[in-house]
Amino acid sequence: QHLEMIASAANKSFNRKIDRFLELQEKLPLTTLRHGLMSKAQTAQREFEVRSNFAQSLSASSCCQYILGIGDRHTGNLLINDRNGKLMAI
């Protein structure tokens, strides 16, 4: 019975986290990252470079982390260079 109570409490806590995440997600525009990165780009060519750098560094980082078996990846473990769009896992 105690295990059921603990499991129930943990489940409620998890559900509250999910509900809060969904609540915050609705308030945050989907274009926030794009606007943050593109605000530094002065030209269309520079904007393309920033987007390409971001996509390439994200994919390389994701592949390396998968191959190495590194878990616990979330936005708190990432740095983005706002000048060139490159991402670095920390």
PDB file of N, CA and C in Angstrom:
ATOM      1  N   GLN A   1       0.828  -1.194   0.000  1.00  0.00           N
ATOM      2  CA  GLN A   1       0.000   0.000   0.000  1.00  0.00           C
ATOM      3  C   GLN A   1       0.871   1.256   0.000  1.00  0.00           C
ATOM      4  N   HIS A   2       1.978   1.216   0.762  1.00  0.00           N
ATOM      5  CA  HIS A   2       2.868   2.377   0.784  1.00  0.00           C
ATOM      6  C   HIS A   2       3.510   2.604  -0.573  1.00  0.00           C
ATOM      7  N   LEU A   3       3.857   1.520  -1.233  1.00  0.00           N
ATOM      8  CA  LEU A   3       4.450   1.656  -2.567  1.00  0.00           C
ATOM      9  C   LEU A   3       3.463   2.264  -3.546  1.00  0.00           C
ATOM     10  N   GLU A   4       2.216   1.897  -3.419  1.00  0.00           N
ATOM     11  CA  GLU A   4       1.187   2.470  -4.287  1.00  0.00           C
ATOM     12  C   GLU A   4       1.041   3.963  -4.034  1.00  0.00           C
ATOM     13  N   MET A   5       1.118   4.364  -2.757  1.00  0.00           N
ATOM     14  CA  MET A   5       1.021   5.782  -2.417  1.00  0.00           C
ATOM     15  C   MET A   5       2.217   6.554  -2.989  1.00  0.00           C
ATOM     16  N   ILE A   6       3.399   5.972  -2.873  1.00  0.00           N
ATOM     17  CA  ILE A   6       4.599   6.624  -3.404  1.00  0.00           C
ATOM     18  C   ILE A   6       4.509   6.735  -4.917  1.00  0.00           C
ATOM     19  N   ALA A   7       4.104   5.655  -5.563  1.00  0.00           N
ATOM     20  CA  ALA A   7       3.963   5.660  -7.024  1.00  0.00           C
ATOM     21  C   ALA A   7       2.917   6.675  -7.464  1.00  0.00           C
ATOM     22  N   SER A   8       1.830   6.747  -6.714  1.00  0.00           N
ATOM     23  CA  SER A   8       0.764   7.692  -7.035  1.00  0.00           C
ATOM     24  C   SER A   8       1.260   9.135  -6.890  1.00  0.00           C
ATOM     25  N   ALA A   9       2.007   9.411  -5.817  1.00  0.00           N
ATOM     26  CA  ALA A   9       2.543  10.754  -5.594  1.00  0.00           C
ATOM     27  C   ALA A   9       3.546  11.119  -6.686  1.00  0.00           C
ATOM     28  N   ALA A  10       4.404  10.180  -7.046  1.00  0.00           N
ATOM     29  CA  ALA A  10       5.390  10.433  -8.098  1.00  0.00           C
ATOM     30  C   ALA A  10       4.689  10.694  -9.428  1.00  0.00           C
ATOM     31  N   ASN A  11       3.644   9.946  -9.691  1.00  0.00           N
ATOM     32  CA  ASN A  11       2.891  10.108 -10.932  1.00  0.00           C
ATOM     33  C   ASN A  11       2.209  11.476 -10.972  1.00  0.00           C
ATOM     34  N   LYS A  12       1.645  11.896  -9.831  1.00  0.00           N
ATOM     35  CA  LYS A  12       0.996  13.211  -9.777  1.00  0.00           C
ATOM     36  C   LYS A  12       2.023  14.310 -10.006  1.00  0.00           C
ATOM     37  N   SER A  13       3.206  14.166  -9.390  1.00  0.00           N
ATOM     38  CA  SER A  13       4.260  15.151  -9.564  1.00  0.00           C
ATOM     39  C   SER A  13       4.686  15.221 -11.034  1.00  0.00           C
ATOM     40  N   PHE A  14       4.829  14.073 -11.671  1.00  0.00           N
ATOM     41  CA  PHE A  14       5.197  14.022 -13.082  1.00  0.00           C
ATOM     42  C   PHE A  14       4.113  14.679 -13.931  1.00  0.00           C
ATOM     43  N   ASN A  15       2.867  14.378 -13.644  1.00  0.00           N
ATOM     44  CA  ASN A  15       1.759  14.966 -14.400  1.00  0.00           C
ATOM     45  C   ASN A  15       1.712  16.479 -14.234  1.00  0.00           C
ATOM     46  N   ARG A  16       2.029  16.969 -13.025  1.00  0.00           N
ATOM     47  CA  ARG A  16       2.070  18.419 -12.814  1.00  0.00           C
ATOM     48  C   ARG A  16       3.180  19.050 -13.647  1.00  0.00           C
ATOM     49  N   LYS A  17       4.317  18.380 -13.721  1.00  0.00           N
ATOM     50  CA  LYS A  17       5.415  18.894 -14.533  1.00  0.00           C
ATOM     51  C   LYS A  17       5.020  18.958 -16.002  1.00  0.00           C
ATOM     52  N   ILE A  18       4.376  17.914 -16.471  1.00  0.00           N
ATOM     53  CA  ILE A  18       3.923  17.883 -17.869  1.00  0.00           C
ATOM     54  C   ILE A  18       2.921  19.005 -18.120  1.00  0.00           C
ATOM     55  N   ASP A  19       1.964  19.153 -17.215  1.00  0.00           N
ATOM     56  CA  ASP A  19       0.957  20.210 -17.363  1.00  0.00           C
ATOM     57  C   ASP A  19       1.616  21.586 -17.394  1.00  0.00           C
ATOM     58  N   ARG A  20       2.586  21.807 -16.517  1.00  0.00           N
ATOM     59  CA  ARG A  20       3.271  23.107 -16.462  1.00  0.00           C
ATOM     60  C   ARG A  20       4.085  23.333 -17.739  1.00  0.00           C
ATOM     61  N   PHE A  21       4.741  22.298 -18.218  1.00  0.00           N
ATOM     62  CA  PHE A  21       5.499  22.408 -19.466  1.00  0.00           C
ATOM     63  C   PHE A  21       4.579  22.803 -20.619  1.00  0.00           C
ATOM     64  N   LEU A  22       3.454  22.121 -20.738  1.00  0.00           N
ATOM     65  CA  LEU A  22       2.514  22.420 -21.823  1.00  0.00           C
ATOM     66  C   LEU A  22       1.960  23.834 -21.700  1.00  0.00           C
ATOM     67  N   GLU A  23       1.734  24.262 -20.479  1.00  0.00           N
ATOM     68  CA  GLU A  23       1.242  25.615 -20.222  1.00  0.00           C
ATOM     69  C   GLU A  23       2.259  26.656 -20.700  1.00  0.00           C
ATOM     70  N   LEU A  24       3.527  26.450 -20.340  1.00  0.00           N
ATOM     71  CA  LEU A  24       4.574  27.381 -20.754  1.00  0.00           C
ATOM     72  C   LEU A  24       4.834  27.311 -22.254  1.00  0.00           C
ATOM     73  N   GLN A  25       4.737  26.121 -22.801  1.00  0.00           N
ATOM     74  CA  GLN A  25       4.964  25.944 -24.237  1.00  0.00           C
ATOM     75  C   GLN A  25       3.955  26.747 -25.055  1.00  0.00           C
ATOM     76  N   GLU A  26       2.729  26.827 -24.572  1.00  0.00           N
ATOM     77  CA  GLU A  26       1.701  27.593 -25.289  1.00  0.00           C
ATOM     78  C   GLU A  26       2.019  29.086 -25.301  1.00  0.00           C
ATOM     79  N   LYS A  27       2.713  29.568 -24.272  1.00  0.00           N
ATOM     80  CA  LYS A  27       3.022  30.991 -24.166  1.00  0.00           C
ATOM     81  C   LYS A  27       4.249  31.390 -24.967  1.00  0.00           C
ATOM     82  N   LEU A  28       5.109  30.429 -25.299  1.00  0.00           N
ATOM     83  CA  LEU A  28       6.360  30.718 -25.978  1.00  0.00           C
ATOM     84  C   LEU A  28       6.181  30.542 -27.483  1.00  0.00           C
ATOM     85  N   PRO A  29       6.420  31.588 -28.262  1.00  0.00           N
ATOM     86  CA  PRO A  29       6.278  31.450 -29.716  1.00  0.00           C
ATOM     87  C   PRO A  29       7.265  30.424 -30.274  1.00  0.00           C
ATOM     88  N   LEU A  30       6.853  29.710 -31.297  1.00  0.00           N
ATOM     89  CA  LEU A  30       7.705  28.698 -31.911  1.00  0.00           C
ATOM     90  C   LEU A  30       8.926  29.306 -32.589  1.00  0.00           C
ATOM     91  N   THR A  31       8.876  30.586 -32.862  1.00  0.00           N
ATOM     92  CA  THR A  31       9.955  31.242 -33.604  1.00  0.00           C
ATOM     93  C   THR A  31      10.976  31.931 -32.694  1.00  0.00           C
ATOM     94  N   THR A  32      10.935  31.697 -31.398  1.00  0.00           N
ATOM     95  CA  THR A  32      11.817  32.390 -30.461  1.00  0.00           C
ATOM     96  C   THR A  32      13.289  32.160 -30.785  1.00  0.00           C
ATOM     97  N   LEU A  33      13.690  30.916 -30.984  1.00  0.00           N
ATOM     98  CA  LEU A  33      15.087  30.616 -31.298  1.00  0.00           C
ATOM     99  C   LEU A  33      15.495  31.250 -32.622  1.00  0.00           C
ATOM    100  N   ARG A  34      14.647  31.125 -33.610  1.00  0.00           N
ATOM    101  CA  ARG A  34      14.968  31.696 -34.927  1.00  0.00           C
ATOM    102  C   ARG A  34      15.182  33.204 -34.823  1.00  0.00           C
ATOM    103  N   HIS A  35      14.291  33.896 -34.126  1.00  0.00           N
ATOM    104  CA  HIS A  35      14.433  35.346 -33.996  1.00  0.00           C
ATOM    105  C   HIS A  35      15.694  35.719 -33.218  1.00  0.00           C
ATOM    106  N   GLY A  36      16.015  34.926 -32.202  1.00  0.00           N
ATOM    107  CA  GLY A  36      17.231  35.181 -31.429  1.00  0.00           C
ATOM    108  C   GLY A  36      18.482  35.049 -32.263  1.00  0.00           C
ATOM    109  N   LEU A  37      18.545  34.009 -33.076  1.00  0.00           N
ATOM    110  CA  LEU A  37      19.719  33.806 -33.925  1.00  0.00           C
ATOM    111  C   LEU A  37      19.772  34.798 -35.083  1.00  0.00           C
ATOM    112  N   MET A  38      18.644  35.056 -35.686  1.00  0.00           N
ATOM    113  CA  MET A  38      18.618  35.895 -36.879  1.00  0.00           C
ATOM    114  C   MET A  38      18.751  37.380 -36.557  1.00  0.00           C
ATOM    115  N   SER A  39      18.547  37.758 -35.310  1.00  0.00           N
ATOM    116  CA  SER A  39      18.661  39.179 -34.961  1.00  0.00           C
ATOM    117  C   SER A  39      20.090  39.687 -35.158  1.00  0.00           C
ATOM    118  N   LYS A  40      21.062  38.802 -35.146  1.00  0.00           N
ATOM    119  CA  LYS A  40      22.472  39.185 -35.333  1.00  0.00           C
ATOM    120  C   LYS A  40      22.882  39.201 -36.804  1.00  0.00           C
ATOM    121  N   ALA A  41      22.109  38.566 -37.667  1.00  0.00           N
ATOM    122  CA  ALA A  41      22.463  38.467 -39.087  1.00  0.00           C
ATOM    123  C   ALA A  41      22.087  39.771 -39.795  1.00  0.00           C
ATOM    124  N   GLN A  42      23.070  40.362 -40.443  1.00  0.00           N
ATOM    125  CA  GLN A  42      22.849  41.634 -41.129  1.00  0.00           C
ATOM    126  C   GLN A  42      22.395  41.459 -42.583  1.00  0.00           C
ATOM    127  N   THR A  43      22.762  40.332 -43.185  1.00  0.00           N
ATOM    128  CA  THR A  43      22.447  40.101 -44.587  1.00  0.00           C
ATOM    129  C   THR A  43      21.810  38.719 -44.748  1.00  0.00           C
ATOM    130  N   ALA A  44      21.246  38.489 -45.906  1.00  0.00           N
ATOM    131  CA  ALA A  44      20.642  37.183 -46.193  1.00  0.00           C
ATOM    132  C   ALA A  44      21.712  36.091 -46.206  1.00  0.00           C
ATOM    133  N   GLN A  45      22.893  36.407 -46.714  1.00  0.00           N
ATOM    134  CA  GLN A  45      23.985  35.430 -46.738  1.00  0.00           C
ATOM    135  C   GLN A  45      24.398  35.075 -45.312  1.00  0.00           C
ATOM    136  N   ARG A  46      24.496  36.062 -44.454  1.00  0.00           N
ATOM    137  CA  ARG A  46      24.876  35.820 -43.060  1.00  0.00           C
ATOM    138  C   ARG A  46      23.797  35.005 -42.350  1.00  0.00           C
ATOM    139  N   GLU A  47      22.548  35.281 -42.648  1.00  0.00           N
ATOM    140  CA  GLU A  47      21.439  34.518 -42.063  1.00  0.00           C
ATOM    141  C   GLU A  47      21.541  33.047 -42.475  1.00  0.00           C
ATOM    142  N   PHE A  48      21.854  32.800 -43.733  1.00  0.00           N
ATOM    143  CA  PHE A  48      22.021  31.428 -44.213  1.00  0.00           C
ATOM    144  C   PHE A  48      23.177  30.735 -43.492  1.00  0.00           C
ATOM    145  N   GLU A  49      24.283  31.445 -43.304  1.00  0.00           N
ATOM    146  CA  GLU A  49      25.446  30.882 -42.603  1.00  0.00           C
ATOM    147  C   GLU A  49      25.099  30.523 -41.160  1.00  0.00           C
ATOM    148  N   VAL A  50      24.384  31.402 -40.483  1.00  0.00           N
ATOM    149  CA  VAL A  50      24.001  31.156 -39.084  1.00  0.00           C
ATOM    150  C   VAL A  50      23.097  29.924 -38.991  1.00  0.00           C
ATOM    151  N   ARG A  51      22.099  29.856 -39.877  1.00  0.00           N
ATOM    152  CA  ARG A  51      21.195  28.700 -39.871  1.00  0.00           C
ATOM    153  C   ARG A  51      21.936  27.411 -40.192  1.00  0.00           C
ATOM    154  N   SER A  52      22.836  27.459 -41.163  1.00  0.00           N
ATOM    155  CA  SER A  52      23.617  26.272 -41.535  1.00  0.00           C
ATOM    156  C   SER A  52      24.521  25.831 -40.392  1.00  0.00           C
ATOM    157  N   ASN A  53      25.198  26.780 -39.770  1.00  0.00           N
ATOM    158  CA  ASN A  53      26.069  26.452 -38.633  1.00  0.00           C
ATOM    159  C   ASN A  53      25.276  25.799 -37.508  1.00  0.00           C
ATOM    160  N   PHE A  54      24.112  26.351 -37.223  1.00  0.00           N
ATOM    161  CA  PHE A  54      23.287  25.801 -36.148  1.00  0.00           C
ATOM    162  C   PHE A  54      22.866  24.372 -36.477  1.00  0.00           C
ATOM    163  N   ALA A  55      22.359  24.159 -37.686  1.00  0.00           N
ATOM    164  CA  ALA A  55      21.886  22.827 -38.080  1.00  0.00           C
ATOM    165  C   ALA A  55      23.027  21.807 -38.085  1.00  0.00           C
ATOM    166  N   GLN A  56      24.172  22.193 -38.617  1.00  0.00           N
ATOM    167  CA  GLN A  56      25.310  21.272 -38.679  1.00  0.00           C
ATOM    168  C   GLN A  56      25.845  20.941 -37.290  1.00  0.00           C
ATOM    169  N   SER A  57      25.976  21.941 -36.441  1.00  0.00           N
ATOM    170  CA  SER A  57      26.525  21.678 -35.110  1.00  0.00           C
ATOM    171  C   SER A  57      25.538  20.901 -34.247  1.00  0.00           C
ATOM    172  N   LEU A  58      24.251  21.147 -34.415  1.00  0.00           N
ATOM    173  CA  LEU A  58      23.242  20.387 -33.670  1.00  0.00           C
ATOM    174  C   LEU A  58      23.243  18.927 -34.096  1.00  0.00           C
ATOM    175  N   SER A  59      23.300  18.681 -35.395  1.00  0.00           N
ATOM    176  CA  SER A  59      23.282  17.295 -35.867  1.00  0.00           C
ATOM    177  C   SER A  59      24.568  16.566 -35.472  1.00  0.00           C
ATOM    178  N   ALA A  60      25.707  17.221 -35.576  1.00  0.00           N
ATOM    179  CA  ALA A  60      26.972  16.593 -35.184  1.00  0.00           C
ATOM    180  C   ALA A  60      26.978  16.287 -33.689  1.00  0.00           C
ATOM    181  N   SER A  61      26.525  17.224 -32.898  1.00  0.00           N
ATOM    182  CA  SER A  61      26.473  17.030 -31.445  1.00  0.00           C
ATOM    183  C   SER A  61      25.533  15.888 -31.077  1.00  0.00           C
ATOM    184  N   SER A  62      24.377  15.850 -31.698  1.00  0.00           N
ATOM    185  CA  SER A  62      23.403  14.790 -31.414  1.00  0.00           C
ATOM    186  C   SER A  62      23.950  13.416 -31.781  1.00  0.00           C
ATOM    187  N   CYS A  63      24.590  13.304 -32.943  1.00  0.00           N
ATOM    188  CA  CYS A  63      25.162  12.021 -33.368  1.00  0.00           C
ATOM    189  C   CYS A  63      26.268  11.571 -32.421  1.00  0.00           C
ATOM    190  N   CYS A  64      27.153  12.480 -32.067  1.00  0.00           N
ATOM    191  CA  CYS A  64      28.258  12.136 -31.156  1.00  0.00           C
ATOM    192  C   CYS A  64      27.729  11.700 -29.788  1.00  0.00           C
ATOM    193  N   GLN A  65      26.746  12.407 -29.279  1.00  0.00           N
ATOM    194  CA  GLN A  65      26.187  12.057 -27.974  1.00  0.00           C
ATOM    195  C   GLN A  65      25.493  10.701 -28.022  1.00  0.00           C
ATOM    196  N   TYR A  66      24.840  10.406 -29.124  1.00  0.00           N
ATOM    197  CA  TYR A  66      24.177   9.112 -29.268  1.00  0.00           C
ATOM    198  C   TYR A  66      25.203   7.990 -29.321  1.00  0.00           C
ATOM    199  N   ILE A  67      26.240   8.180 -30.138  1.00  0.00           N
ATOM    200  CA  ILE A  67      27.271   7.149 -30.285  1.00  0.00           C
ATOM    201  C   ILE A  67      28.001   6.909 -28.960  1.00  0.00           C
ATOM    202  N   LEU A  68      28.280   7.990 -28.243  1.00  0.00           N
ATOM    203  CA  LEU A  68      28.997   7.874 -26.976  1.00  0.00           C
ATOM    204  C   LEU A  68      28.091   7.463 -25.815  1.00  0.00           C
ATOM    205  N   GLY A  69      26.789   7.449 -26.059  1.00  0.00           N
ATOM    206  CA  GLY A  69      25.844   7.046 -25.017  1.00  0.00           C
ATOM    207  C   GLY A  69      25.657   8.100 -23.943  1.00  0.00           C
ATOM    208  N   ILE A  70      25.851   9.348 -24.305  1.00  0.00           N
ATOM    209  CA  ILE A  70      25.686  10.438 -23.340  1.00  0.00           C
ATOM    210  C   ILE A  70      24.207  10.758 -23.217  1.00  0.00           C
ATOM    211  N   GLY A  71      23.690  10.654 -22.020  1.00  0.00           N
ATOM    212  CA  GLY A  71      22.277  10.960 -21.784  1.00  0.00           C
ATOM    213  C   GLY A  71      22.129  12.335 -21.157  1.00  0.00           C
ATOM    214  N   ASP A  72      20.979  12.587 -20.609  1.00  0.00           N
ATOM    215  CA  ASP A  72      20.698  13.829 -19.895  1.00  0.00           C
ATOM    216  C   ASP A  72      20.928  15.053 -20.764  1.00  0.00           C
ATOM    217  N   ARG A  73      20.470  15.006 -21.984  1.00  0.00           N
ATOM    218  CA  ARG A  73      20.604  16.150 -22.879  1.00  0.00           C
ATOM    219  C   ARG A  73      19.351  16.991 -22.794  1.00  0.00           C
ATOM    220  N   HIS A  74      19.504  18.243 -22.454  1.00  0.00           N
ATOM    221  CA  HIS A  74      18.400  19.194 -22.425  1.00  0.00           C
ATOM    222  C   HIS A  74      18.965  20.586 -22.647  1.00  0.00           C
ATOM    223  N   THR A  75      18.119  21.568 -22.763  1.00  0.00           N
ATOM    224  CA  THR A  75      18.574  22.913 -23.118  1.00  0.00           C
ATOM    225  C   THR A  75      19.498  23.527 -22.083  1.00  0.00           C
ATOM    226  N   GLY A  76      19.464  23.035 -20.856  1.00  0.00           N
ATOM    227  CA  GLY A  76      20.385  23.528 -19.848  1.00  0.00           C
ATOM    228  C   GLY A  76      21.809  23.067 -20.089  1.00  0.00           C
ATOM    229  N   ASN A  77      21.998  22.110 -20.976  1.00  0.00           N
ATOM    230  CA  ASN A  77      23.320  21.571 -21.281  1.00  0.00           C
ATOM    231  C   ASN A  77      23.840  22.037 -22.635  1.00  0.00           C
ATOM    232  N   LEU A  78      23.281  23.087 -23.167  1.00  0.00           N
ATOM    233  CA  LEU A  78      23.680  23.572 -24.487  1.00  0.00           C
ATOM    234  C   LEU A  78      24.030  25.048 -24.442  1.00  0.00           C
ATOM    235  N   LEU A  79      25.056  25.407 -25.198  1.00  0.00           N
ATOM    236  CA  LEU A  79      25.403  26.809 -25.406  1.00  0.00           C
ATOM    237  C   LEU A  79      25.291  27.096 -26.892  1.00  0.00           C
ATOM    238  N   ILE A  80      24.753  28.242 -27.230  1.00  0.00           N
ATOM    239  CA  ILE A  80      24.650  28.642 -28.634  1.00  0.00           C
ATOM    240  C   ILE A  80      25.401  29.957 -28.795  1.00  0.00           C
ATOM    241  N   ASN A  81      26.343  29.967 -29.715  1.00  0.00           N
ATOM    242  CA  ASN A  81      27.074  31.188 -30.027  1.00  0.00           C
ATOM    243  C   ASN A  81      26.139  32.069 -30.850  1.00  0.00           C
ATOM    244  N   ASP A  82      25.748  33.205 -30.303  1.00  0.00           N
ATOM    245  CA  ASP A  82      24.768  34.031 -31.008  1.00  0.00           C
ATOM    246  C   ASP A  82      25.378  34.814 -32.176  1.00  0.00           C
ATOM    247  N   ARG A  83      26.690  34.749 -32.354  1.00  0.00           N
ATOM    248  CA  ARG A  83      27.310  35.404 -33.502  1.00  0.00           C
ATOM    249  C   ARG A  83      27.337  34.535 -34.746  1.00  0.00           C
ATOM    250  N   ASN A  84      27.586  33.217 -34.529  1.00  0.00           N
ATOM    251  CA  ASN A  84      27.702  32.351 -35.702  1.00  0.00           C
ATOM    252  C   ASN A  84      26.700  31.201 -35.697  1.00  0.00           C
ATOM    253  N   GLY A  85      25.918  31.051 -34.647  1.00  0.00           N
ATOM    254  CA  GLY A  85      24.880  30.029 -34.604  1.00  0.00           C
ATOM    255  C   GLY A  85      25.353  28.649 -34.210  1.00  0.00           C
ATOM    256  N   LYS A  86      26.642  28.493 -33.922  1.00  0.00           N
ATOM    257  CA  LYS A  86      27.148  27.165 -33.572  1.00  0.00           C
ATOM    258  C   LYS A  86      26.716  26.778 -32.164  1.00  0.00           C
ATOM    259  N   LEU A  87      26.387  25.515 -32.026  1.00  0.00           N
ATOM    260  CA  LEU A  87      25.912  24.960 -30.770  1.00  0.00           C
ATOM    261  C   LEU A  87      27.021  24.140 -30.134  1.00  0.00           C
ATOM    262  N   MET A  88      27.123  24.187 -28.814  1.00  0.00           N
ATOM    263  CA  MET A  88      28.119  23.391 -28.112  1.00  0.00           C
ATOM    264  C   MET A  88      27.457  22.735 -26.912  1.00  0.00           C
ATOM    265  N   ALA A  89      27.630  21.428 -26.799  1.00  0.00           N
ATOM    266  CA  ALA A  89      27.106  20.695 -25.651  1.00  0.00           C
ATOM    267  C   ALA A  89      28.089  20.848 -24.499  1.00  0.00           C
ATOM    268  N   ILE A  90      27.570  21.088 -23.316  1.00  0.00           N
ATOM    269  CA  ILE A  90      28.437  21.205 -22.134  1.00  0.00           C
ATOM    270  C   ILE A  90      28.102  20.140 -21.127  1.00  0.00           C
TER     271      ILE A  90
END
